[in-house]
Amino acid sequence: MRLADKVDMGNGDLFEMMTYLIVILISAVVMTIWLKRRGRRKRK
């Protein structure tokens, strides 16, 4: 059961979208850092 289903306020969907956005941003930053480090290892 999702958190948005438990909360009957209009902020439920907004909070869920913000959470997804934060998760996507964090994963994107981690992926870019990981790819840069991997690229450095291949060059040496």
Protein backbone atom coordinates (compact mmCIF):
# COMPACT_ATOMS: atom_id res chain seq x y z
CA MET A 1 0.00 0.00 0.00
CA ARG A 2 1.37 3.38 -1.01
CA LEU A 3 1.73 6.36 1.31
CA ALA A 4 -0.50 8.42 -1.01
CA ASP A 5 -3.38 5.96 -0.43
CA LYS A 6 -3.16 6.34 3.35
CA VAL A 7 -3.04 10.14 3.30
CA ASP A 8 -6.31 11.68 2.07
CA MET A 9 -4.77 15.13 1.58
CA GLY A 10 -4.00 16.67 -1.82
CA ASN A 11 -0.33 16.82 -0.85
CA GLY A 12 -0.04 13.01 -1.10
CA ASP A 13 0.50 12.98 -4.87
CA LEU A 14 2.85 15.97 -4.70
CA PHE A 15 4.93 14.29 -2.00
CA GLU A 16 5.09 11.08 -4.05
CA MET A 17 6.21 12.95 -7.18
CA MET A 18 8.86 14.83 -5.19
CA THR A 19 10.14 11.55 -3.75
CA TYR A 20 10.42 9.99 -7.22
CA LEU A 21 12.18 13.14 -8.49
CA ILE A 22 14.71 13.07 -5.64
CA VAL A 23 15.41 9.35 -6.20
CA ILE A 24 15.93 9.92 -9.95
CA LEU A 25 18.27 12.88 -9.32
CA ILE A 26 20.36 10.95 -6.78
CA SER A 27 20.63 7.92 -9.08
CA ALA A 28 21.63 10.17 -12.00
CA VAL A 29 24.39 11.84 -9.94
CA VAL A 30 25.67 8.45 -8.72
CA MET A 31 25.68 7.07 -12.27
CA THR A 32 27.62 10.06 -13.67
CA ILE A 33 30.24 9.83 -10.88
CA TRP A 34 30.54 6.05 -11.35
CA LEU A 35 30.95 6.38 -15.13
CA LYS A 36 33.59 9.10 -14.73
CA ARG A 37 35.58 6.96 -12.27
CA ARG A 38 35.27 3.95 -14.59
CA GLY A 39 36.45 6.07 -17.53
CA ARG A 40 39.53 7.19 -15.57
CA ARG A 41 40.44 3.57 -14.78
CA LYS A 42 40.26 2.58 -18.46
CA ARG A 43 42.52 5.45 -19.58
CA LYS A 44 45.37 4.55 -17.23
